[in-house]
Protein backbone atom coordinates (compact mmCIF):
# COMPACT_ATOMS: atom_id res chain seq x y z
CA UNK A 1 32.62 82.61 -179.24
CA UNK A 2 33.22 83.00 -175.50
CA UNK A 3 33.57 86.77 -175.94
CA UNK A 4 30.28 86.87 -177.88
CA UNK A 5 28.43 85.05 -175.08
CA UNK A 6 29.90 87.37 -172.45
CA UNK A 7 28.90 90.34 -174.59
CA UNK A 8 25.31 89.08 -174.85
CA UNK A 9 25.19 88.53 -171.06
CA UNK A 10 26.45 92.07 -170.49
CA UNK A 11 23.82 93.50 -172.86
CA UNK A 12 21.12 91.47 -171.08
CA UNK A 13 22.04 92.81 -167.66
CA UNK A 14 22.30 96.39 -168.92
CA UNK A 15 18.86 96.07 -170.54
CA UNK A 16 17.38 94.51 -167.39
CA UNK A 17 18.78 97.33 -165.26
CA UNK A 18 17.24 99.89 -167.60
CA UNK A 19 13.86 98.11 -167.48
CA UNK A 20 14.03 97.89 -163.67
CA UNK A 21 14.68 101.62 -163.40
CA UNK A 22 11.88 102.37 -165.85
CA UNK A 23 9.45 100.26 -163.80
CA UNK A 24 10.34 102.19 -160.66
CA UNK A 25 9.86 105.52 -162.43
CA UNK A 26 6.51 104.42 -163.86
CA UNK A 27 5.26 103.21 -160.49
CA UNK A 28 6.24 106.47 -158.81
CA UNK A 29 4.67 108.49 -161.63
CA UNK A 30 1.40 106.59 -161.16
CA UNK A 31 1.57 107.13 -157.40
CA UNK A 32 2.14 110.87 -157.82
CA UNK A 33 -0.68 111.15 -160.36
CA UNK A 34 -3.19 109.35 -158.14
CA UNK A 35 -2.26 111.43 -155.09
CA UNK A 36 -2.46 114.71 -157.04
CA UNK A 37 1.16 115.44 -156.16
CA UNK A 38 1.67 118.25 -158.67
CA UNK A 39 -1.42 120.09 -157.48
CA UNK A 40 -0.30 119.74 -153.86
CA UNK A 41 3.14 121.11 -154.70
CA UNK A 42 1.74 123.96 -156.80
CA UNK A 43 -0.49 124.99 -153.87
CA UNK A 44 2.66 125.62 -151.74
CA UNK A 45 0.82 124.99 -148.47
CA UNK A 46 -1.63 122.63 -146.78
CA UNK A 47 -3.76 122.70 -143.65
CA UNK A 48 -4.83 119.44 -142.02
CA UNK A 49 -7.44 119.10 -139.27
CA UNK A 50 -8.18 115.97 -137.30
CA UNK A 51 -7.66 114.20 -134.02
CA UNK A 52 -5.04 112.01 -132.38
CA UNK A 53 -6.40 108.92 -130.63
CA UNK A 54 -4.17 107.48 -127.94
CA UNK A 55 -4.87 105.56 -124.72
CA UNK A 56 -8.58 106.16 -125.11
CA UNK A 57 -8.21 109.94 -125.50
CA UNK A 58 -9.12 112.00 -128.55
CA UNK A 59 -7.03 115.15 -128.96
CA UNK A 60 -7.99 117.59 -131.78
CA UNK A 61 -5.11 119.03 -133.81
CA UNK A 62 -4.35 121.44 -136.64
CA UNK A 63 -1.31 120.92 -138.85
CA UNK A 64 0.22 123.58 -141.11
CA UNK A 65 2.76 122.75 -143.83
CA UNK A 66 4.46 125.14 -146.22
CA UNK A 67 6.76 124.46 -149.15
CA UNK A 68 9.53 123.45 -149.05
CA UNK A 69 10.02 122.38 -145.42
CA UNK A 70 8.12 124.44 -142.86
CA UNK A 71 5.84 122.70 -140.36
CA UNK A 72 3.62 123.46 -137.38
CA UNK A 73 1.19 121.33 -135.38
CA UNK A 74 -1.11 122.40 -132.54
CA UNK A 75 -3.02 119.94 -130.34
CA UNK A 76 -5.38 121.20 -127.64
CA UNK A 77 -6.83 119.21 -124.74
CA UNK A 78 -8.28 120.36 -121.42
CA UNK A 79 -7.27 123.98 -122.06
CA UNK A 80 -3.65 123.00 -122.74
CA UNK A 81 -2.04 123.27 -126.19
CA UNK A 82 0.94 121.29 -127.43
CA UNK A 83 2.86 123.06 -130.21
CA UNK A 84 5.65 121.82 -132.49
CA UNK A 85 7.26 124.15 -135.00
CA UNK A 86 10.01 123.84 -137.59
CA UNK A 87 11.21 126.69 -139.78
CA UNK A 88 13.35 124.62 -142.14
CA UNK A 89 16.46 124.88 -139.98
CA UNK A 90 15.44 124.81 -136.32
CA UNK A 91 12.64 123.12 -134.40
CA UNK A 92 10.94 123.62 -131.03
CA UNK A 93 8.51 121.85 -128.71
CA UNK A 94 6.06 123.36 -126.26
CA UNK A 95 4.43 120.46 -124.40
CA UNK A 96 2.41 121.36 -121.30
CA UNK A 97 1.15 117.75 -121.13
CA UNK A 98 4.70 116.77 -120.20
CA UNK A 99 5.21 119.66 -117.80
CA UNK A 100 7.06 121.77 -120.38
CA UNK A 101 6.03 125.36 -119.70
CA UNK A 102 8.65 126.99 -121.95
CA UNK A 103 9.52 126.21 -125.60
CA UNK A 104 12.45 123.81 -125.89
CA UNK A 105 14.73 123.27 -128.87
CA UNK A 106 14.38 119.83 -130.47
CA UNK A 107 17.12 117.30 -129.87
CA UNK A 108 19.12 115.59 -132.62
CA UNK A 109 16.78 112.59 -132.99
CA UNK A 110 13.68 114.80 -133.00
CA UNK A 111 15.22 117.03 -135.66
CA UNK A 112 15.99 114.05 -137.88
CA UNK A 113 12.38 112.86 -137.67
CA UNK A 114 11.05 116.39 -138.16
CA UNK A 115 13.04 116.94 -141.35
CA UNK A 116 11.31 113.90 -142.86
CA UNK A 117 7.87 114.98 -141.65
CA UNK A 118 8.33 118.61 -142.72
CA UNK A 119 9.35 117.74 -146.29
CA UNK A 120 6.31 119.19 -148.06
CA UNK A 121 6.98 117.18 -151.23
CA UNK A 122 7.67 113.86 -149.49
CA UNK A 123 10.92 111.92 -149.72
CA UNK A 124 10.04 110.14 -152.99
CA UNK A 125 9.64 113.37 -154.98
CA UNK A 126 13.01 114.34 -156.52
CA UNK A 127 14.60 111.74 -154.26
CA UNK A 128 17.96 111.84 -156.03
CA UNK A 129 18.36 115.58 -155.41
CA UNK A 130 17.62 114.99 -151.72
CA UNK A 131 20.37 112.41 -151.39
CA UNK A 132 18.16 109.34 -150.97
CA UNK A 133 18.76 105.91 -152.48
CA UNK A 134 15.55 104.37 -153.84
CA UNK A 135 14.99 100.84 -155.15
CA UNK A 136 12.08 98.64 -156.17
CA UNK A 137 11.91 95.46 -154.09
CA UNK A 138 9.84 92.29 -154.50
CA UNK A 139 6.08 92.68 -154.15
CA UNK A 140 4.52 91.95 -150.76
CA UNK A 141 0.99 91.77 -149.41
CA UNK A 142 -0.47 94.27 -146.97
CA UNK A 143 -3.63 92.96 -145.33
CA UNK A 144 -4.57 90.99 -148.44
CA UNK A 145 -3.56 93.61 -151.05
CA UNK A 146 -0.64 93.01 -153.41
CA UNK A 147 1.79 95.92 -153.17
CA UNK A 148 4.83 97.31 -154.90
CA UNK A 149 7.58 97.88 -152.32
CA UNK A 150 9.66 101.03 -152.78
CA UNK A 151 12.65 101.07 -150.45
CA UNK A 152 14.25 104.39 -149.52
CA UNK A 153 17.54 104.83 -147.66
CA UNK A 154 18.27 108.26 -146.23
CA UNK A 155 21.72 109.89 -146.23
CA UNK A 156 21.91 108.94 -142.52
CA UNK A 157 21.24 105.26 -143.33
CA UNK A 158 17.63 105.08 -142.09
CA UNK A 159 15.33 102.84 -144.13
CA UNK A 160 11.74 103.47 -145.21
CA UNK A 161 9.77 100.93 -147.25
CA UNK A 162 6.61 102.30 -148.89
CA UNK A 163 3.96 99.76 -149.91
CA UNK A 164 1.89 100.92 -152.90
CA UNK A 165 -1.27 99.06 -153.87
CA UNK A 166 -0.72 97.56 -157.35
CA UNK A 167 -4.28 98.45 -158.41
CA UNK A 168 -4.89 101.90 -156.90
CA UNK A 169 -1.25 103.05 -156.39
CA UNK A 170 -2.10 104.60 -153.01
CA UNK A 171 0.29 103.94 -150.11
CA UNK A 172 -1.07 101.32 -147.69
CA UNK A 173 1.92 101.11 -145.37
CA UNK A 174 5.33 102.58 -144.58
CA UNK A 175 7.79 100.41 -142.67
CA UNK A 176 10.60 102.33 -140.97
CA UNK A 177 13.95 101.32 -139.50
CA UNK A 178 15.63 104.34 -137.92
CA UNK A 179 18.44 104.90 -135.45
CA UNK A 180 17.26 106.62 -132.26
CA UNK A 181 19.57 107.15 -129.30
CA UNK A 182 22.03 104.69 -130.79
CA UNK A 183 19.46 101.90 -131.25
CA UNK A 184 17.53 100.73 -134.30
CA UNK A 185 13.81 101.29 -133.87
CA UNK A 186 11.24 99.70 -136.17
CA UNK A 187 7.67 100.88 -136.72
CA UNK A 188 4.90 100.42 -139.25
CA UNK A 189 2.46 103.10 -140.35
CA UNK A 190 -0.78 102.02 -142.04
CA UNK A 191 -2.79 104.42 -144.23
CA UNK A 192 -6.44 103.83 -145.06
CA UNK A 193 -9.85 105.46 -145.60
CA UNK A 194 -8.58 107.66 -148.44
CA UNK A 195 -10.58 110.84 -149.05
CA UNK A 196 -10.86 112.99 -152.18
CA UNK A 197 -10.04 116.68 -152.21
CA UNK A 198 -10.26 118.94 -155.25
CA UNK A 199 -7.86 117.05 -157.53
CA UNK A 200 -5.92 115.27 -154.78
CA UNK A 201 -6.43 112.48 -152.24
CA UNK A 202 -5.27 111.92 -148.68
CA UNK A 203 -5.42 109.18 -146.08
CA UNK A 204 -8.29 109.64 -143.64
CA UNK A 205 -6.76 107.27 -141.09
CA UNK A 206 -3.11 106.82 -140.15
CA UNK A 207 -2.24 104.10 -137.66
CA UNK A 208 1.25 103.58 -136.20
CA UNK A 209 2.14 100.14 -134.86
CA UNK A 210 5.22 99.07 -132.90
CA UNK A 211 5.94 95.40 -132.20
CA UNK A 212 2.56 94.60 -133.71
CA UNK A 213 0.68 96.81 -131.24
CA UNK A 214 -1.17 100.02 -132.13
CA UNK A 215 0.80 102.93 -130.65
CA UNK A 216 -1.32 105.79 -131.98
CA UNK A 217 -4.06 106.58 -134.47
CA UNK A 218 -4.60 109.80 -136.39
CA UNK A 219 -7.97 110.53 -137.97
CA UNK A 220 -7.93 113.23 -140.66
CA UNK A 221 -11.19 115.17 -140.93
CA UNK A 222 -10.10 117.66 -143.58
CA UNK A 223 -7.10 118.63 -145.70
CA UNK A 224 -7.13 121.89 -147.65
CA UNK A 225 -4.55 123.45 -149.97
CA UNK A 226 -3.29 126.93 -150.66
CA UNK A 227 -3.98 128.76 -147.40
CA UNK A 228 -1.99 131.93 -146.72
CA UNK A 229 0.60 131.30 -144.01
CA UNK A 230 2.96 133.84 -142.50
CA UNK A 231 6.43 132.39 -141.93
CA UNK A 232 6.32 133.66 -138.34
CA UNK A 233 4.03 130.78 -137.28
CA UNK A 234 6.89 128.33 -137.90
CA UNK A 235 9.29 130.13 -135.58
CA UNK A 236 9.83 129.45 -131.86
CA UNK A 237 6.35 129.18 -130.32
CA UNK A 238 5.05 131.59 -127.72
CA UNK A 239 3.43 129.90 -124.72
């Protein structure tokens, strides 16, 4: 009798684990469908135009992304242009706003952040192949909206919690805990004002908060897919 009860308990937990995994898969599938993930991936490239708002300044930028992990951003203000590039293996900064007149190779912490940003598919797409651990946590509210919480742990141990609206399945927030210069740094990124492209959607406003204070705001004016991009633009920038 005791063995029968233990067997039933084991079956229950195995079934619950299978259901839990299925729920996570279904939630991610809905998220990808709403965002138009397959269309974005099939396009192989995206161009994003907008402005960064920080300390009362508005700085226009252009961002270029190419599958699987190439990235470039250009921001121009007062006849000076900041450039970041990443070719999938190496990254560089050219930042005249900080007195940097020659391109500089990214440091270890910058490279870690860039690899996440440059992932054209996003960390939740084929997450197992990328070495992430993903789990579905208890629901939480984000500014009054009930959200599924998808927790992702990177191979380096950094944590990212993505909050997906239970009704629309768009991401409303990403909470990050990452190690920078030997210290754990927490930040929250809020996504809102979603816009429709041709079969895909994107956040029109991205706000980063640290310790509850707004650190920076990005306003997206336009995102287009499928532009031709020569790989040379992702190499070491020319001043």
